[in-house]
N, C-alpha and C. Protein backbone atom coordinates (compact mmCIF):
# COMPACT_ATOMS: atom_id res chain seq x y z
N UNK A 1 94.10 83.88 119.84
CA UNK A 1 94.99 82.85 119.30
C UNK A 1 96.12 83.52 118.51
N UNK A 2 97.34 83.05 118.71
CA UNK A 2 98.50 83.61 118.01
C UNK A 2 98.51 83.18 116.55
N UNK A 3 99.21 83.95 115.76
CA UNK A 3 99.27 83.67 114.31
C UNK A 3 100.04 82.37 114.05
N UNK A 4 101.09 82.13 114.85
CA UNK A 4 101.84 80.88 114.74
C UNK A 4 101.88 80.24 116.12
N UNK A 5 101.40 79.01 116.19
CA UNK A 5 101.40 78.27 117.45
C UNK A 5 102.03 76.90 117.22
N UNK A 6 102.44 76.27 118.31
CA UNK A 6 103.13 74.98 118.22
C UNK A 6 102.33 73.93 117.45
N UNK A 7 101.01 73.94 117.57
CA UNK A 7 100.21 72.91 116.90
C UNK A 7 100.18 73.10 115.38
N UNK A 8 100.75 74.19 114.89
CA UNK A 8 100.83 74.41 113.45
C UNK A 8 102.27 74.29 112.93
N UNK A 9 103.13 73.66 113.73
CA UNK A 9 104.51 73.42 113.31
C UNK A 9 104.73 71.91 113.32
N UNK A 10 105.15 71.37 112.18
CA UNK A 10 105.44 69.93 112.10
C UNK A 10 106.90 69.78 111.69
N UNK A 11 107.66 69.14 112.57
CA UNK A 11 109.09 68.92 112.33
C UNK A 11 109.32 67.53 111.76
N UNK A 12 110.45 67.37 111.08
CA UNK A 12 110.90 66.06 110.58
C UNK A 12 109.87 65.41 109.66
N UNK A 13 109.22 66.21 108.84
CA UNK A 13 108.21 65.68 107.91
C UNK A 13 108.89 65.15 106.65
N UNK A 14 108.16 64.35 105.92
CA UNK A 14 108.60 63.91 104.59
C UNK A 14 107.46 64.23 103.63
N UNK A 15 107.81 64.50 102.39
CA UNK A 15 106.81 64.79 101.37
C UNK A 15 107.33 64.24 100.05
N UNK A 16 106.41 63.72 99.23
CA UNK A 16 106.83 63.13 97.96
C UNK A 16 107.10 64.20 96.90
N UNK A 17 106.42 65.34 97.01
CA UNK A 17 106.65 66.45 96.07
C UNK A 17 106.09 67.72 96.68
N UNK A 18 106.19 68.83 95.96
CA UNK A 18 105.75 70.10 96.54
C UNK A 18 104.24 70.14 96.77
N UNK A 19 103.47 69.46 95.91
CA UNK A 19 102.02 69.44 96.12
C UNK A 19 101.68 68.74 97.45
N UNK A 20 102.39 67.66 97.73
CA UNK A 20 102.19 66.94 98.98
C UNK A 20 102.57 67.85 100.16
N UNK A 21 103.68 68.56 100.03
CA UNK A 21 104.13 69.46 101.10
C UNK A 21 103.10 70.58 101.32
N UNK A 22 102.56 71.12 100.24
CA UNK A 22 101.54 72.17 100.36
C UNK A 22 100.30 71.62 101.04
N UNK A 23 99.89 70.42 100.66
CA UNK A 23 98.72 69.79 101.30
C UNK A 23 98.96 69.62 102.81
N UNK A 24 100.17 69.19 103.17
CA UNK A 24 100.48 68.99 104.60
C UNK A 24 100.49 70.31 105.36
N UNK A 25 101.09 71.34 104.77
CA UNK A 25 101.11 72.67 105.41
C UNK A 25 99.68 73.20 105.53
N UNK A 26 98.89 72.96 104.49
CA UNK A 26 97.49 73.38 104.50
C UNK A 26 96.68 72.61 105.54
N UNK A 27 96.96 71.32 105.68
CA UNK A 27 96.25 70.49 106.67
C UNK A 27 96.48 71.01 108.08
N UNK A 28 97.67 71.51 108.37
CA UNK A 28 97.94 72.09 109.69
C UNK A 28 97.04 73.30 109.94
N UNK A 29 96.79 74.07 108.89
CA UNK A 29 95.90 75.24 109.01
C UNK A 29 94.44 74.79 109.18
N UNK A 30 94.06 73.75 108.45
CA UNK A 30 92.68 73.23 108.55
C UNK A 30 92.44 72.65 109.94
N UNK A 31 93.35 71.77 110.38
CA UNK A 31 93.19 71.08 111.66
C UNK A 31 93.16 72.03 112.85
N UNK A 32 93.81 73.17 112.73
CA UNK A 32 93.85 74.13 113.84
C UNK A 32 92.74 75.17 113.74
N UNK A 33 91.85 75.01 112.75
CA UNK A 33 90.69 75.89 112.66
C UNK A 33 90.92 77.22 111.98
N UNK A 34 92.03 77.38 111.29
CA UNK A 34 92.30 78.65 110.61
C UNK A 34 91.56 78.78 109.27
N UNK A 35 91.45 77.66 108.56
CA UNK A 35 90.85 77.70 107.22
C UNK A 35 89.94 76.50 107.01
N UNK A 36 89.07 76.63 106.02
CA UNK A 36 88.27 75.50 105.55
C UNK A 36 89.14 74.69 104.58
N UNK A 37 88.81 73.45 104.38
CA UNK A 37 89.61 72.57 103.52
C UNK A 37 89.76 73.12 102.10
N UNK A 38 88.75 73.83 101.60
CA UNK A 38 88.81 74.38 100.24
C UNK A 38 89.97 75.36 100.06
N UNK A 39 90.45 75.96 101.16
CA UNK A 39 91.57 76.90 101.07
C UNK A 39 92.83 76.20 100.53
N UNK A 40 93.01 74.95 100.90
CA UNK A 40 94.19 74.21 100.47
C UNK A 40 94.20 74.07 98.94
N UNK A 41 93.03 73.88 98.34
CA UNK A 41 92.94 73.84 96.87
C UNK A 41 93.42 75.16 96.28
N UNK A 42 93.10 76.26 96.94
CA UNK A 42 93.56 77.57 96.49
C UNK A 42 95.08 77.71 96.60
N UNK A 43 95.65 77.12 97.64
CA UNK A 43 97.11 77.14 97.79
C UNK A 43 97.76 76.40 96.62
N UNK A 44 97.20 75.26 96.26
CA UNK A 44 97.73 74.46 95.15
C UNK A 44 97.55 75.20 93.82
N UNK A 45 96.40 75.85 93.66
CA UNK A 45 96.14 76.60 92.42
C UNK A 45 97.10 77.78 92.29
N UNK A 46 97.37 78.48 93.37
CA UNK A 46 98.32 79.61 93.35
C UNK A 46 99.69 79.12 92.93
N UNK A 47 100.12 78.02 93.51
CA UNK A 47 101.45 77.48 93.20
C UNK A 47 101.55 77.09 91.74
N UNK A 48 100.45 76.63 91.15
CA UNK A 48 100.45 76.22 89.74
C UNK A 48 100.66 77.43 88.81
N UNK A 49 100.31 78.62 89.29
CA UNK A 49 100.45 79.81 88.44
C UNK A 49 101.69 80.62 88.76
N UNK A 50 102.19 80.51 90.01
CA UNK A 50 103.34 81.32 90.41
C UNK A 50 104.05 80.65 91.58
N UNK A 51 105.35 80.47 91.47
CA UNK A 51 106.12 79.83 92.54
C UNK A 51 106.14 80.71 93.79
N UNK A 52 106.03 80.06 94.94
CA UNK A 52 106.09 80.77 96.21
C UNK A 52 107.45 80.54 96.90
N UNK A 53 108.43 80.06 96.14
CA UNK A 53 109.76 79.81 96.69
C UNK A 53 110.46 81.15 96.92
N UNK A 54 110.97 81.37 98.15
CA UNK A 54 111.63 82.63 98.48
C UNK A 54 113.14 82.58 98.31
N UNK A 55 113.71 81.40 98.49
CA UNK A 55 115.17 81.26 98.51
C UNK A 55 115.61 80.71 99.85
N UNK A 56 116.88 80.32 99.95
CA UNK A 56 117.45 79.75 101.17
C UNK A 56 116.61 78.62 101.75
N UNK A 57 115.95 77.86 100.87
CA UNK A 57 115.23 76.68 101.32
C UNK A 57 113.85 76.94 101.90
N UNK A 58 113.27 78.11 101.61
CA UNK A 58 111.97 78.46 102.19
C UNK A 58 110.95 78.79 101.10
N UNK A 59 109.75 78.23 101.25
CA UNK A 59 108.64 78.59 100.36
C UNK A 59 107.46 79.00 101.24
N UNK A 60 106.59 79.85 100.68
CA UNK A 60 105.45 80.36 101.45
C UNK A 60 104.14 80.19 100.67
N UNK A 61 103.68 78.96 100.50
CA UNK A 61 102.42 78.77 99.78
C UNK A 61 101.26 79.44 100.51
N UNK A 62 100.38 80.03 99.72
CA UNK A 62 99.19 80.69 100.26
C UNK A 62 98.11 80.66 99.19
N UNK A 63 96.89 80.90 99.59
CA UNK A 63 95.77 80.86 98.66
C UNK A 63 95.72 82.07 97.75
N UNK A 64 94.75 82.04 96.87
CA UNK A 64 94.53 83.15 95.96
C UNK A 64 93.49 84.09 96.58
N UNK A 65 93.36 85.27 95.99
CA UNK A 65 92.42 86.26 96.52
C UNK A 65 91.02 85.66 96.65
N UNK A 66 90.63 84.87 95.67
CA UNK A 66 89.29 84.26 95.68
C UNK A 66 89.07 83.31 96.86
N UNK A 67 90.15 82.88 97.49
CA UNK A 67 90.04 81.93 98.60
C UNK A 67 89.89 82.59 99.97
N UNK A 68 89.85 83.89 100.01
CA UNK A 68 89.76 84.59 101.30
C UNK A 68 88.52 84.18 102.08
N UNK A 69 87.44 83.84 101.38
CA UNK A 69 86.20 83.43 102.06
C UNK A 69 86.38 82.14 102.84
N UNK A 70 87.43 81.37 102.51
CA UNK A 70 87.69 80.10 103.21
C UNK A 70 88.57 80.27 104.45
N UNK A 71 88.99 81.50 104.72
CA UNK A 71 89.84 81.77 105.89
C UNK A 71 88.95 82.13 107.07
N UNK A 72 89.08 81.37 108.16
CA UNK A 72 88.32 81.64 109.38
C UNK A 72 89.06 82.63 110.27
N UNK A 73 90.39 82.48 110.31
CA UNK A 73 91.24 83.39 111.08
C UNK A 73 92.66 83.33 110.52
N UNK A 74 93.38 84.41 110.67
CA UNK A 74 94.75 84.46 110.17
C UNK A 74 95.60 83.43 110.92
N UNK A 75 96.41 82.71 110.16
CA UNK A 75 97.30 81.72 110.76
C UNK A 75 98.42 81.36 109.81
N UNK A 76 99.49 80.88 110.40
CA UNK A 76 100.66 80.44 109.63
C UNK A 76 101.03 79.05 110.13
N UNK A 77 101.38 78.18 109.19
CA UNK A 77 101.84 76.84 109.55
C UNK A 77 103.26 76.66 109.03
N UNK A 78 104.01 75.77 109.66
CA UNK A 78 105.37 75.48 109.23
C UNK A 78 105.54 73.98 109.12
N UNK A 79 105.90 73.55 107.92
CA UNK A 79 106.23 72.15 107.67
C UNK A 79 107.72 72.10 107.39
N UNK A 80 108.45 71.42 108.27
CA UNK A 80 109.89 71.29 108.10
C UNK A 80 110.18 69.94 107.43
N UNK A 81 110.89 70.00 106.31
CA UNK A 81 111.23 68.78 105.56
C UNK A 81 112.76 68.74 105.43
N UNK A 82 113.44 68.11 106.40
CA UNK A 82 114.91 68.12 106.42
C UNK A 82 115.56 67.58 105.14
N UNK A 83 114.92 66.62 104.47
CA UNK A 83 115.50 66.07 103.24
C UNK A 83 115.32 67.03 102.06
N UNK A 84 114.43 67.98 102.20
CA UNK A 84 114.18 68.94 101.13
C UNK A 84 113.24 68.39 100.06
N UNK A 85 112.58 69.31 99.37
CA UNK A 85 111.67 68.98 98.29
C UNK A 85 112.05 69.83 97.09
N UNK A 86 112.13 69.23 95.92
CA UNK A 86 112.39 70.02 94.72
C UNK A 86 111.18 70.92 94.53
N UNK A 87 111.41 72.24 94.50
CA UNK A 87 110.31 73.19 94.39
C UNK A 87 110.07 73.62 92.96
N UNK A 88 111.13 73.59 92.16
CA UNK A 88 111.00 74.00 90.76
C UNK A 88 111.54 72.86 89.91
N UNK A 89 110.66 72.22 89.15
CA UNK A 89 111.07 71.08 88.33
C UNK A 89 112.17 71.45 87.33
N UNK A 90 112.25 72.73 86.96
CA UNK A 90 113.28 73.17 86.02
C UNK A 90 114.61 73.42 86.70
N UNK A 91 114.62 73.45 88.02
CA UNK A 91 115.85 73.70 88.77
C UNK A 91 115.91 72.73 89.94
N UNK A 92 116.48 71.56 89.69
CA UNK A 92 116.53 70.49 90.71
C UNK A 92 117.30 70.91 91.96
N UNK A 93 118.09 72.00 91.86
CA UNK A 93 118.85 72.47 93.02
C UNK A 93 118.01 73.35 93.94
N UNK A 94 116.84 73.77 93.49
CA UNK A 94 115.97 74.63 94.29
C UNK A 94 115.14 73.76 95.22
N UNK A 95 115.69 73.53 96.42
CA UNK A 95 115.02 72.67 97.41
C UNK A 95 114.40 73.52 98.51
N UNK A 96 113.20 73.14 98.93
CA UNK A 96 112.55 73.79 100.07
C UNK A 96 112.65 72.85 101.27
N UNK A 97 113.10 73.41 102.38
CA UNK A 97 113.21 72.67 103.63
C UNK A 97 112.16 73.14 104.64
N UNK A 98 111.70 74.37 104.45
CA UNK A 98 110.64 74.94 105.29
C UNK A 98 109.52 75.38 104.37
N UNK A 99 108.34 74.81 104.57
CA UNK A 99 107.17 75.16 103.78
C UNK A 99 106.22 75.86 104.75
N UNK A 100 106.06 77.16 104.54
CA UNK A 100 105.31 77.99 105.48
C UNK A 100 103.98 78.38 104.85
N UNK A 101 102.93 77.71 105.31
CA UNK A 101 101.59 77.99 104.80
C UNK A 101 101.03 79.25 105.43
N UNK A 102 100.45 80.11 104.60
CA UNK A 102 99.93 81.39 105.09
C UNK A 102 98.45 81.52 104.73
N UNK A 103 97.67 81.89 105.73
CA UNK A 103 96.25 82.23 105.53
C UNK A 103 96.04 83.56 106.25
N UNK A 104 95.76 84.61 105.51
CA UNK A 104 95.66 85.94 106.12
C UNK A 104 94.33 86.61 105.80
N UNK A 105 93.64 86.99 106.86
CA UNK A 105 92.40 87.76 106.71
C UNK A 105 92.72 89.24 106.57
N UNK A 106 93.70 89.71 107.31
CA UNK A 106 94.08 91.12 107.30
C UNK A 106 95.59 91.24 107.24
N UNK A 107 96.14 92.19 108.01
CA UNK A 107 97.58 92.43 108.00
C UNK A 107 98.30 91.83 109.20
N UNK A 108 97.57 91.06 110.03
CA UNK A 108 98.17 90.56 111.27
C UNK A 108 99.42 89.72 111.04
N UNK A 109 99.52 89.11 109.87
CA UNK A 109 100.64 88.20 109.60
C UNK A 109 101.91 88.94 109.18
N UNK A 110 101.84 90.25 108.99
CA UNK A 110 102.98 90.99 108.45
C UNK A 110 104.21 90.94 109.36
N UNK A 111 104.02 90.97 110.69
CA UNK A 111 105.17 90.88 111.59
C UNK A 111 105.87 89.54 111.43
N UNK A 112 105.09 88.47 111.32
CA UNK A 112 105.68 87.15 111.15
C UNK A 112 106.43 87.09 109.82
N UNK A 113 105.85 87.66 108.77
CA UNK A 113 106.53 87.67 107.47
C UNK A 113 107.81 88.50 107.52
N UNK A 114 107.80 89.60 108.25
CA UNK A 114 109.02 90.40 108.40
C UNK A 114 110.09 89.60 109.12
N UNK A 115 109.70 88.87 110.17
CA UNK A 115 110.66 88.01 110.89
C UNK A 115 111.15 86.89 109.98
N UNK A 116 110.25 86.35 109.18
CA UNK A 116 110.62 85.30 108.24
C UNK A 116 111.63 85.82 107.23
N UNK A 117 111.39 87.01 106.71
CA UNK A 117 112.32 87.61 105.73
C UNK A 117 113.70 87.74 106.34
N UNK A 118 113.77 88.18 107.59
CA UNK A 118 115.06 88.29 108.27
C UNK A 118 115.73 86.93 108.41
N UNK A 119 114.96 85.94 108.82
CA UNK A 119 115.51 84.60 109.02
C UNK A 119 115.98 84.01 107.69
N UNK A 120 115.24 84.25 106.62
CA UNK A 120 115.60 83.71 105.31
C UNK A 120 116.87 84.38 104.77
N UNK A 121 117.02 85.66 105.04
CA UNK A 121 118.22 86.38 104.61
C UNK A 121 119.46 85.80 105.27
N UNK A 122 119.31 85.35 106.50
CA UNK A 122 120.41 84.79 107.27
C UNK A 122 120.48 83.30 106.96
N UNK A 123 121.41 82.92 106.07
CA UNK A 123 121.53 81.53 105.62
C UNK A 123 121.68 80.56 106.79
N UNK A 124 122.47 80.96 107.77
CA UNK A 124 122.71 80.10 108.93
C UNK A 124 121.42 79.85 109.70
N UNK A 125 120.64 80.90 109.89
CA UNK A 125 119.37 80.79 110.61
C UNK A 125 118.39 79.92 109.83
N UNK A 126 118.29 80.13 108.52
CA UNK A 126 117.39 79.33 107.69
C UNK A 126 117.76 77.86 107.78
N UNK A 127 119.07 77.59 107.74
CA UNK A 127 119.53 76.20 107.81
C UNK A 127 119.24 75.60 109.19
N UNK A 128 119.43 76.40 110.25
CA UNK A 128 119.15 75.89 111.59
C UNK A 128 117.66 75.56 111.75
N UNK A 129 116.79 76.41 111.22
CA UNK A 129 115.35 76.13 111.31
C UNK A 129 114.98 74.90 110.49
N UNK A 130 115.69 74.67 109.39
CA UNK A 130 115.41 73.52 108.53
C UNK A 130 115.83 72.20 109.17
N UNK A 131 116.75 72.25 110.13
CA UNK A 131 117.29 71.03 110.73
C UNK A 131 116.90 70.81 112.19
N UNK A 132 116.41 71.85 112.85
CA UNK A 132 116.17 71.76 114.30
C UNK A 132 115.13 70.69 114.65
N UNK A 133 115.25 70.18 115.87
CA UNK A 133 114.23 69.28 116.41
C UNK A 133 113.52 69.98 117.56
N UNK A 134 113.71 71.30 117.65
CA UNK A 134 113.12 72.12 118.71
C UNK A 134 112.07 73.06 118.12
N UNK A 135 110.81 72.73 118.37
CA UNK A 135 109.70 73.54 117.86
C UNK A 135 109.84 74.99 118.32
N UNK A 136 110.31 75.19 119.55
CA UNK A 136 110.42 76.55 120.09
C UNK A 136 111.39 77.42 119.29
N UNK A 137 112.42 76.82 118.71
CA UNK A 137 113.36 77.61 117.91
C UNK A 137 112.63 78.27 116.75
N UNK A 138 111.82 77.50 116.03
CA UNK A 138 111.06 78.04 114.90
C UNK A 138 109.99 79.01 115.39
N UNK A 139 109.27 78.63 116.42
CA UNK A 139 108.21 79.47 116.97
C UNK A 139 108.77 80.83 117.38
N UNK A 140 109.86 80.84 118.12
CA UNK A 140 110.45 82.09 118.59
C UNK A 140 111.05 82.92 117.45
N UNK A 141 111.72 82.25 116.53
CA UNK A 141 112.33 82.99 115.41
C UNK A 141 111.27 83.70 114.57
N UNK A 142 110.18 83.02 114.29
CA UNK A 142 109.15 83.62 113.44
C UNK A 142 108.23 84.57 114.20
N UNK A 143 108.16 84.41 115.50
CA UNK A 143 107.39 85.35 116.31
C UNK A 143 108.24 86.53 116.78
N UNK A 144 109.53 86.53 116.39
CA UNK A 144 110.38 87.67 116.70
C UNK A 144 110.85 87.74 118.14
N UNK A 145 110.97 86.61 118.81
CA UNK A 145 111.47 86.59 120.18
C UNK A 145 112.99 86.79 120.13
N UNK A 146 113.51 87.85 120.79
CA UNK A 146 114.95 88.11 120.76
C UNK A 146 115.77 86.94 121.30
N UNK A 147 116.96 86.80 120.75
CA UNK A 147 117.92 85.77 121.19
C UNK A 147 117.33 84.37 121.14
N UNK A 148 116.47 84.13 120.15
CA UNK A 148 115.85 82.81 120.05
C UNK A 148 116.77 81.79 119.43
N UNK A 149 117.85 82.26 118.84
CA UNK A 149 118.75 81.32 118.18
C UNK A 149 120.15 81.54 118.68
């Protein structure tokens, strides 16, 4: 099974706040068999202690070290929220449009994270992924498929 698959990408989502967005990103991991439900609580706990916002509208919520036992297999989920979610209550301008849930058993996810870092650096690419209605655009960009955009 690939680290990122179409069934773990949800486009055109809405969320009432970042906790809701994290729950939804986590649910994609649970429903696809990557993690146990308890892992999502770890994602929320991590966010309460340290922001996972990267910039350019992207956040990467993930569990804490103690939650590794709840990971069945490495997987990444993508929740696209075109309207954006305030990620930092102290900075209303810090909106997340892509919430990328990460559950990693080992280092398999590092290539996807490297591709994500590239996409986030490129403002145009980050914005295109935040607005697209094409799951393949996100899938290919994060899986490092050349000329995906």
